[in-house]
Amino acid sequence: MTATRPRNRSARRSWLPVWVVGGVGAAGTLILAIAFGMTAADGVRIAGIAGGTAIGTGAVGAAVLRTLRFRSFGAQVSVVALTTVAAVAAGAAVSAEAMFLATHDLHQLLVILLAAGTAGVVIAMSLGHRVLEGSRSLGEAARRIGLGRTPDAVERPATAELATLASDLEEMSRRLEEARQRERALDASRRELVAWISHDLRTPLAGIRAMVEALEDGVVADSQTVARYHRTLRLEADRLAHLVDDLFELSVIQAGALTLQMERASLGDVVSDALASASVLAEAKGIRLEGRMDRTTPQVELSTTGFSRALRNLLENAIRLTPADGTVWVETGVEDGGAFVAVADQCGGIPDDVLPRVFDPSFRGEAARTPHPNGSAGLGLAIARGIVEAHAGDISVRNERQGCRFLVRLPLSPTG
């Protein structure tokens, strides 16, 4: 019911010009008849004869147009033009005969009306040819869009309505092409991710199977080797569990189902906790962690658990890819009206053509970064981006000095 009312109002508005023209024409006819010295009764009678005949002719044209409603646009335009001229000619001819003109004068009028009407139809059809060409151009564009191809530039039709439709078609075509490109990119990324995950799962599983078979067959008997196998099995199981957890979290992020418990917190405190957590990994590899914070600690609305996970992923990625005895810098503060956290490493840099893919789930950095035994950016960067974007922030990366600088921006707390 709610959707029907706007359509009814729109339909009434579309008929408003017709009623206005009809009313103005009727009033103008009566005024003109009186101005020419005719009585009001004669004016009304002649106008009624001419107008009634024209309306009757128009009704016939409307019936013909309804019959041709499934035919070409050009045929319908021709019917409209022919009906308009025929209505004027019929009204003039019938009213002239009703005025008892001489037969010679009536014949002359009919010849004049036929000649002028023919010329009017030809002119109307010629002018309507541009409208017809515009409609054909729109039809071809719609056909190409339906086939999944990008249409050529649509010729601007001669009417405002068709020109608007042409603009809408071009905009729809552009958006569809962008959506197709995103879909192709996502599909390629998905296939690449599946290939990497299959490799990451197959390698530890093969090792686990070999060690389990060795233990079952009694190939390994001494206590030290058995203990080492058990430790290795536990480590491999932890690695698989960590990978499965990352995949689950990434799937939640990509499905838009990530829920965050937001609270007002000090960004400096969150960064300090993340540095303390990453210090163990840094010390084990001989990496120096250096941090710098503004005196005024920014206050932000965030999920401390979720955002700490994103920071931890950035720090672990930087530590893992920085050579031993290198340095990872962390900086936080306020810039351009928002809070920021920057993590810089000494990974050796990323080629410019690879930078846009760093946060893709399928990105692995073997060729792009300094070689490392793990040789992979994993899913951590993709998860970090999802968490940051869930906080209404953004994350970017650029090459800087001897490595990369990841920059996270967050909106400040409204009361901070």
Protein backbone atom coordinates (compact mmCIF):
# COMPACT_ATOMS: atom_id res chain seq x y z
CA MET A 1 0.00 0.00 0.00
CA THR A 2 2.83 2.38 0.83
CA ALA A 3 4.60 1.67 -2.46
CA THR A 4 1.40 2.20 -4.50
CA ARG A 5 0.70 5.74 -3.32
CA PRO A 6 3.92 7.30 -4.67
CA ARG A 7 3.26 5.68 -8.03
CA ASN A 8 -0.29 7.08 -8.09
CA ARG A 9 0.97 10.56 -7.23
CA SER A 10 3.60 10.30 -9.95
CA ALA A 11 0.98 9.23 -12.49
CA ARG A 12 -1.24 12.18 -11.57
CA ARG A 13 1.66 14.59 -11.92
CA SER A 14 2.49 13.21 -15.37
CA TRP A 15 -1.07 14.03 -16.55
CA LEU A 16 -1.03 17.53 -15.10
CA PRO A 17 0.50 19.22 -18.21
CA VAL A 18 -2.23 17.63 -20.38
CA TRP A 19 -5.01 19.14 -18.27
CA VAL A 20 -3.26 22.50 -18.13
CA VAL A 21 -2.84 22.67 -21.91
CA GLY A 22 -6.45 21.58 -22.43
CA GLY A 23 -7.81 24.21 -20.04
CA VAL A 24 -5.66 27.02 -21.45
CA GLY A 25 -6.58 26.03 -25.01
CA ALA A 26 -10.32 26.00 -24.30
CA ALA A 27 -10.18 29.39 -22.60
CA GLY A 28 -8.02 30.82 -25.38
CA THR A 29 -10.42 29.54 -28.04
CA LEU A 30 -13.41 31.21 -26.41
CA ILE A 31 -11.52 34.50 -25.93
CA LEU A 32 -10.32 34.48 -29.56
CA ALA A 33 -13.85 33.82 -30.88
CA ILE A 34 -15.24 36.77 -28.91
CA ALA A 35 -12.33 38.96 -30.06
CA PHE A 36 -13.21 38.16 -33.71
CA GLY A 37 -16.79 39.34 -33.18
CA MET A 38 -18.42 35.93 -32.78
CA THR A 39 -21.05 35.32 -30.18
CA ALA A 40 -20.15 33.10 -27.25
CA ALA A 41 -22.68 30.50 -28.43
CA ASP A 42 -21.18 30.36 -31.96
CA GLY A 43 -17.68 30.14 -30.54
CA VAL A 44 -18.62 27.29 -28.24
CA ARG A 45 -20.45 25.47 -31.04
CA ILE A 46 -17.60 25.69 -33.55
CA ALA A 47 -15.00 24.88 -30.94
CA GLY A 48 -17.08 21.90 -29.79
CA ILE A 49 -17.37 20.57 -33.37
CA ALA A 50 -13.66 20.97 -34.10
CA GLY A 51 -12.50 19.79 -30.69
CA GLY A 52 -14.89 16.85 -30.57
CA THR A 53 -13.82 15.67 -34.00
CA ALA A 54 -10.15 16.01 -33.04
CA ILE A 55 -10.73 14.09 -29.79
CA GLY A 56 -12.53 11.33 -31.70
CA THR A 57 -9.61 11.08 -34.13
CA GLY A 58 -7.23 10.99 -31.18
CA ALA A 59 -9.20 8.13 -29.63
CA VAL A 60 -8.84 6.15 -32.86
CA GLY A 61 -5.09 6.89 -32.83
CA ALA A 62 -4.86 5.76 -29.21
CA ALA A 63 -6.54 2.48 -30.10
CA VAL A 64 -4.11 1.97 -32.99
CA LEU A 65 -1.19 2.84 -30.71
CA ARG A 66 -2.38 0.30 -28.14
CA THR A 67 -2.53 -2.33 -30.86
CA LEU A 68 1.08 -1.51 -31.83
CA ARG A 69 2.40 -1.35 -28.25
CA PHE A 70 4.70 -4.33 -28.87
CA ARG A 71 5.99 -2.99 -32.19
CA SER A 72 9.04 -0.82 -32.79
CA PHE A 73 9.48 2.58 -31.19
CA GLY A 74 9.64 4.13 -34.67
CA ALA A 75 6.20 2.78 -35.61
CA GLN A 76 4.68 4.17 -32.42
CA VAL A 77 6.27 7.60 -33.01
CA SER A 78 4.83 7.59 -36.55
CA VAL A 79 1.34 6.80 -35.21
CA VAL A 80 1.61 9.65 -32.70
CA ALA A 81 2.68 12.12 -35.41
CA LEU A 82 0.03 10.94 -37.87
CA THR A 83 -2.74 11.04 -35.24
CA THR A 84 -1.79 14.59 -34.22
CA VAL A 85 -1.95 15.90 -37.80
CA ALA A 86 -5.10 13.90 -38.57
CA ALA A 87 -6.86 15.28 -35.50
CA VAL A 88 -6.16 18.88 -36.57
CA ALA A 89 -7.16 18.21 -40.17
CA ALA A 90 -10.36 16.37 -39.25
CA GLY A 91 -11.39 19.09 -36.79
CA ALA A 92 -10.81 21.81 -39.37
CA ALA A 93 -12.60 19.94 -42.17
CA VAL A 94 -15.71 19.03 -40.14
CA SER A 95 -16.05 22.50 -38.63
CA ALA A 96 -15.62 24.09 -42.08
CA GLU A 97 -18.41 21.93 -43.53
CA ALA A 98 -20.60 22.77 -40.54
CA MET A 99 -20.09 26.47 -41.34
CA PHE A 100 -21.69 25.87 -44.80
CA LEU A 101 -18.70 27.07 -46.80
CA ALA A 102 -18.97 26.99 -50.55
CA THR A 103 -18.10 23.67 -52.14
CA HIS A 104 -15.15 25.24 -53.98
CA ASP A 105 -13.81 26.78 -50.76
CA LEU A 106 -14.26 23.50 -48.88
CA HIS A 107 -12.35 21.59 -51.55
CA GLN A 108 -9.54 24.11 -51.42
CA LEU A 109 -9.40 23.75 -47.64
CA LEU A 110 -9.22 19.98 -47.92
CA VAL A 111 -6.35 20.22 -50.42
CA ILE A 112 -4.53 22.64 -48.13
CA LEU A 113 -5.08 20.39 -45.11
CA LEU A 114 -3.86 17.29 -46.98
CA ALA A 115 -0.72 19.02 -48.25
CA ALA A 116 0.08 20.62 -44.89
CA GLY A 117 -0.74 17.40 -43.03
CA THR A 118 1.54 15.33 -45.26
CA ALA A 119 4.35 17.83 -44.77
CA GLY A 120 3.72 17.83 -41.02
CA VAL A 121 3.88 14.02 -40.83
CA VAL A 122 7.11 13.92 -42.84
CA ILE A 123 8.68 16.58 -40.63
CA ALA A 124 7.53 14.82 -37.45
CA MET A 125 8.91 11.48 -38.66
CA SER A 126 12.19 13.10 -39.67
CA LEU A 127 12.58 14.77 -36.32
CA GLY A 128 11.55 11.56 -34.55
CA HIS A 129 14.29 9.67 -36.38
CA ARG A 130 16.84 10.99 -33.87
CA VAL A 131 14.72 9.68 -31.03
CA LEU A 132 14.53 6.32 -32.81
CA GLU A 133 18.31 6.17 -33.26
CA GLY A 134 18.78 7.03 -29.60
CA SER A 135 16.43 4.23 -28.54
CA ARG A 136 18.30 1.78 -30.77
CA SER A 137 21.57 2.86 -29.19
CA LEU A 138 20.09 2.25 -25.73
CA GLY A 139 18.80 -1.14 -26.84
CA GLU A 140 22.22 -2.15 -28.14
CA ALA A 141 23.87 -0.96 -24.93
CA ALA A 142 21.39 -2.96 -22.83
CA ARG A 143 21.98 -6.04 -25.01
CA ARG A 144 25.75 -5.80 -24.55
CA ILE A 145 25.35 -5.37 -20.79
CA GLY A 146 23.11 -8.44 -20.72
CA LEU A 147 25.82 -10.44 -22.52
CA GLY A 148 28.39 -9.33 -19.94
CA ARG A 149 30.27 -7.00 -22.29
CA THR A 150 31.07 -3.34 -21.74
CA PRO A 151 29.02 -1.22 -24.16
CA ASP A 152 30.56 1.48 -26.29
CA ALA A 153 29.76 5.09 -25.45
CA VAL A 154 25.99 5.41 -25.76
CA GLU A 155 24.84 8.06 -28.21
CA ARG A 156 23.05 10.85 -26.36
CA PRO A 157 19.35 10.64 -27.37
CA ALA A 158 17.32 13.68 -28.27
CA THR A 159 15.01 13.55 -25.25
CA ALA A 160 15.81 14.27 -21.64
CA GLU A 161 14.21 11.01 -20.45
CA LEU A 162 16.21 8.83 -22.85
CA ALA A 163 19.37 10.82 -22.11
CA THR A 164 18.88 10.11 -18.40
CA LEU A 165 18.34 6.45 -19.20
CA ALA A 166 21.54 6.44 -21.26
CA SER A 167 23.48 7.90 -18.34
CA ASP A 168 21.97 5.31 -16.01
CA LEU A 169 22.96 2.52 -18.40
CA GLU A 170 26.53 3.79 -18.64
CA GLU A 171 26.77 4.04 -14.84
CA MET A 172 25.30 0.56 -14.41
CA SER A 173 27.72 -0.82 -16.99
CA ARG A 174 30.66 0.77 -15.17
CA ARG A 175 29.57 -0.66 -11.82
CA LEU A 176 28.96 -4.10 -13.31
CA GLU A 177 32.42 -4.09 -14.87
CA GLU A 178 33.99 -3.06 -11.57
CA ALA A 179 32.05 -5.82 -9.81
CA ARG A 180 33.21 -8.36 -12.41
CA GLN A 181 36.81 -7.27 -11.97
CA ARG A 182 36.52 -7.54 -8.18
CA GLU A 183 34.93 -10.97 -8.55
CA ARG A 184 37.73 -12.15 -10.86
CA ALA A 185 40.36 -10.80 -8.47
CA LEU A 186 38.66 -12.44 -5.49
CA ASP A 187 38.35 -15.72 -7.36
CA ALA A 188 42.03 -15.68 -8.29
CA SER A 189 42.96 -14.76 -4.73
CA ARG A 190 40.74 -17.53 -3.38
CA ARG A 191 42.35 -20.15 -5.62
CA GLU A 192 45.80 -18.96 -4.62
CA LEU A 193 44.85 -19.03 -0.95
CA VAL A 194 43.50 -22.57 -1.23
CA ALA A 195 46.74 -23.66 -2.87
CA TRP A 196 48.85 -22.12 -0.10
CA ILE A 197 46.66 -23.48 2.69
CA SER A 198 46.77 -26.93 1.13
CA HIS A 199 50.56 -26.72 1.13
CA ASP A 200 50.68 -25.40 4.71
CA LEU A 201 48.44 -28.24 5.88
CA ARG A 202 50.05 -31.01 3.86
CA THR A 203 53.63 -30.35 5.03
CA PRO A 204 53.07 -30.67 8.81
CA LEU A 205 50.59 -33.50 8.33
CA ALA A 206 53.16 -35.48 6.36
CA GLY A 207 55.70 -34.98 9.17
CA ILE A 208 53.16 -35.94 11.83
CA ARG A 209 52.19 -39.08 9.93
CA ALA A 210 55.82 -40.14 9.50
CA MET A 211 56.61 -39.65 13.20
CA VAL A 212 53.46 -41.44 14.34
CA GLU A 213 54.21 -44.40 12.06
CA ALA A 214 57.77 -44.51 13.40
CA LEU A 215 56.50 -44.57 16.97
CA GLU A 216 53.87 -47.22 16.20
CA ASP A 217 56.30 -49.50 14.35
CA GLY A 218 58.88 -49.24 17.12
CA VAL A 219 61.46 -47.79 14.72
CA VAL A 220 62.20 -45.20 17.38
CA ALA A 221 62.86 -46.76 20.77
CA ASP A 222 65.31 -44.65 22.77
CA SER A 223 63.70 -42.29 25.24
CA GLN A 224 65.45 -39.14 23.99
CA THR A 225 64.28 -39.62 20.40
CA VAL A 226 60.77 -40.50 21.53
CA ALA A 227 60.66 -37.36 23.68
CA ARG A 228 61.89 -35.29 20.73
CA TYR A 229 59.21 -36.79 18.49
CA HIS A 230 56.57 -35.96 21.08
CA ARG A 231 57.76 -32.35 21.31
CA THR A 232 57.76 -32.08 17.52
CA LEU A 233 54.26 -33.54 17.31
CA ARG A 234 53.02 -31.02 19.85
CA LEU A 235 54.65 -28.13 17.97
CA GLU A 236 53.20 -29.26 14.66
CA ALA A 237 49.77 -29.67 16.25
CA ASP A 238 50.04 -26.15 17.69
CA ARG A 239 51.01 -24.85 14.27
CA LEU A 240 47.99 -26.52 12.65
CA ALA A 241 45.69 -25.22 15.39
CA HIS A 242 47.04 -21.71 14.89
CA LEU A 243 46.45 -21.96 11.14
CA VAL A 244 42.89 -23.21 11.65
CA ASP A 245 42.21 -20.38 14.11
CA ASP A 246 43.49 -17.84 11.59
CA LEU A 247 41.31 -19.31 8.85
CA PHE A 248 38.26 -19.20 11.09
CA GLU A 249 38.90 -15.60 12.13
CA LEU A 250 39.49 -14.55 8.52
CA SER A 251 36.24 -16.21 7.43
CA VAL A 252 34.36 -14.35 10.18
CA ILE A 253 35.89 -11.04 9.07
CA GLN A 254 35.14 -11.62 5.39
CA ALA A 255 31.56 -12.63 6.22
CA GLY A 256 31.09 -9.32 8.07
CA ALA A 257 30.24 -11.21 11.26
CA LEU A 258 33.06 -9.84 13.41
CA THR A 259 31.67 -8.48 16.68
CA LEU A 260 33.70 -6.09 18.81
CA GLN A 261 33.15 -4.92 22.37
CA MET A 262 34.09 -1.27 22.03
CA GLU A 263 35.34 0.81 24.93
CA ARG A 264 37.19 4.08 25.40
CA ALA A 265 40.85 3.30 25.99
CA SER A 266 44.32 4.79 25.84
CA LEU A 267 45.99 3.84 22.58
CA GLY A 268 49.39 4.17 24.26
CA ASP A 269 48.48 1.53 26.85
CA VAL A 270 47.31 -0.90 24.17
CA VAL A 271 50.53 -0.40 22.18
CA SER A 272 52.67 -0.84 25.32
CA ASP A 273 50.95 -4.16 26.09
CA ALA A 274 51.47 -5.34 22.50
CA LEU A 275 55.18 -4.43 22.67
CA ALA A 276 55.57 -6.34 25.93
CA SER A 277 53.90 -9.39 24.39
CA ALA A 278 56.13 -9.26 21.29
CA SER A 279 59.35 -8.70 23.22
CA VAL A 280 59.82 -12.43 23.87
CA LEU A 281 59.76 -13.24 20.15
CA ALA A 282 62.05 -10.29 19.41
CA GLU A 283 64.61 -11.34 22.01
CA ALA A 284 64.61 -14.92 20.75
CA LYS A 285 65.59 -13.66 17.30
CA GLY A 286 67.91 -10.88 18.44
CA ILE A 287 65.65 -8.06 17.25
CA ARG A 288 65.54 -4.70 19.00
CA LEU A 289 62.10 -3.21 19.67
CA GLU A 290 62.08 0.58 19.90
CA GLY A 291 58.97 2.67 20.57
CA ARG A 292 58.09 6.34 20.63
CA MET A 293 54.84 7.86 21.87
CA ASP A 294 53.50 11.37 21.98
CA ARG A 295 53.30 13.00 25.39
CA THR A 296 49.53 13.28 24.97
CA THR A 297 48.25 9.71 24.77
CA PRO A 298 45.30 9.61 22.32
CA GLN A 299 41.99 8.23 23.54
CA VAL A 300 40.12 6.03 21.08
CA GLU A 301 37.04 3.82 20.96
CA LEU A 302 38.25 0.28 20.32
CA SER A 303 38.10 -3.34 21.29
CA THR A 304 41.27 -3.88 23.29
CA THR A 305 41.26 -7.62 22.53
CA GLY A 306 40.64 -7.24 18.82
CA PHE A 307 42.97 -4.30 18.24
CA SER A 308 45.72 -5.97 20.29
CA ARG A 309 45.44 -8.94 17.94
CA ALA A 310 45.92 -6.66 14.93
CA LEU A 311 48.97 -4.98 16.51
CA ARG A 312 50.42 -8.34 17.50
CA ASN A 313 50.09 -9.56 13.90
CA LEU A 314 51.91 -6.47 12.60
CA LEU A 315 54.69 -6.80 15.17
CA GLU A 316 55.15 -10.53 14.61
CA ASN A 317 55.26 -9.97 10.85
CA ALA A 318 57.89 -7.22 11.26
CA ILE A 319 60.02 -9.30 13.67
CA ARG A 320 59.81 -12.41 11.53
CA LEU A 321 60.97 -10.63 8.38
CA THR A 322 63.67 -8.44 9.93
CA PRO A 323 67.19 -9.97 9.90
CA ALA A 324 68.86 -10.80 13.21
CA ASP A 325 70.37 -7.82 15.01
CA GLY A 326 67.86 -5.58 13.20
CA THR A 327 65.39 -3.08 14.65
CA VAL A 328 61.62 -2.75 14.62
CA TRP A 329 60.28 0.74 15.37
CA VAL A 330 56.83 1.43 16.78
CA GLU A 331 55.39 4.93 16.93
CA THR A 332 52.00 6.20 18.08
CA GLY A 333 50.39 9.61 18.43
CA VAL A 334 47.94 12.04 16.86
CA GLU A 335 48.18 13.24 13.27
CA ASP A 336 45.74 14.96 10.91
CA GLY A 337 42.94 14.83 13.46
CA GLY A 338 43.21 11.09 14.12
CA ALA A 339 45.24 8.62 16.14
CA PHE A 340 47.90 6.51 14.46
CA VAL A 341 50.22 3.58 15.12
CA ALA A 342 53.20 2.94 12.84
CA VAL A 343 55.28 -0.25 12.71
CA ALA A 344 58.50 -0.09 10.68
CA ASP A 345 60.79 -3.04 9.97
CA GLN A 346 64.02 -3.78 8.08
CA CYS A 347 62.65 -6.45 5.76
CA GLY A 348 64.41 -5.06 2.69
CA GLY A 349 61.30 -3.51 1.11
CA ILE A 350 58.53 -4.69 -1.18
CA PRO A 351 58.44 -4.13 -4.96
CA ASP A 352 55.98 -1.40 -5.89
CA ASP A 353 53.90 -3.75 -8.06
CA VAL A 354 53.41 -6.07 -5.06
CA LEU A 355 52.53 -3.43 -2.45
CA PRO A 356 48.78 -3.34 -3.29
CA ARG A 357 48.54 -7.10 -2.57
CA VAL A 358 50.24 -7.11 0.84
CA PHE A 359 46.93 -7.31 2.74
CA ASP A 360 45.38 -9.96 0.47
CA PRO A 361 44.71 -13.27 2.25
CA SER A 362 46.65 -15.13 -0.44
CA PHE A 363 49.73 -12.88 -0.25
CA ARG A 364 53.01 -14.66 0.52
CA GLY A 365 56.16 -12.61 0.49
CA GLU A 366 58.90 -14.98 -0.66
CA ALA A 367 59.93 -13.08 -3.75
CA ALA A 368 58.92 -9.73 -2.40
CA ARG A 369 60.81 -9.73 0.87
CA THR A 370 64.05 -10.72 2.41
CA PRO A 371 64.23 -14.54 2.41
CA HIS A 372 63.23 -16.15 5.67
CA PRO A 373 62.73 -19.75 6.72
CA ASN A 374 59.01 -19.16 7.16
CA GLY A 375 59.02 -17.12 3.97
CA SER A 376 55.39 -16.06 4.34
CA ALA A 377 53.32 -13.15 5.48
CA GLY A 378 50.63 -15.69 6.43
CA LEU A 379 47.11 -14.56 7.13
CA GLY A 380 48.10 -12.10 9.84
CA LEU A 381 48.11 -9.00 7.65
CA ALA A 382 44.71 -9.82 6.14
CA ILE A 383 43.30 -10.35 9.64
CA ALA A 384 44.89 -7.10 10.84
CA ARG A 385 43.29 -5.16 8.00
CA GLY A 386 39.87 -6.67 8.75
CA ILE A 387 40.11 -5.77 12.44
CA VAL A 388 41.31 -2.21 11.75
CA GLU A 389 38.52 -1.61 9.22
CA ALA A 390 36.00 -2.96 11.74
CA HIS A 391 37.21 -0.10 13.99
CA ALA A 392 36.35 2.43 11.22
CA GLY A 393 40.08 2.86 10.62
CA ASP A 394 42.42 2.16 7.73
CA ILE A 395 45.78 0.49 7.30
CA SER A 396 48.43 1.11 4.65
CA VAL A 397 52.02 0.20 3.87
CA ARG A 398 54.89 1.87 2.06
CA ASN A 399 58.59 1.28 1.56
CA GLU A 400 60.73 3.38 3.86
CA ARG A 401 64.50 3.30 4.34
CA GLN A 402 65.60 -0.34 4.73
CA GLY A 403 62.16 -1.87 5.03
CA CYS A 404 58.44 -1.22 5.22
CA ARG A 405 56.30 1.06 7.34
CA PHE A 406 52.78 -0.10 8.20
CA LEU A 407 50.51 2.75 9.26
CA VAL A 408 47.23 2.25 11.15
CA ARG A 409 44.87 5.23 11.50
CA LEU A 410 41.94 5.35 13.91
CA PRO A 411 39.34 8.06 14.65
CA LEU A 412 39.80 9.79 17.99
CA SER A 413 37.24 9.26 20.71
CA PRO A 414 34.56 12.01 20.55
CA THR A 415 35.30 12.91 24.17
CA GLY A 416 39.07 12.38 23.88
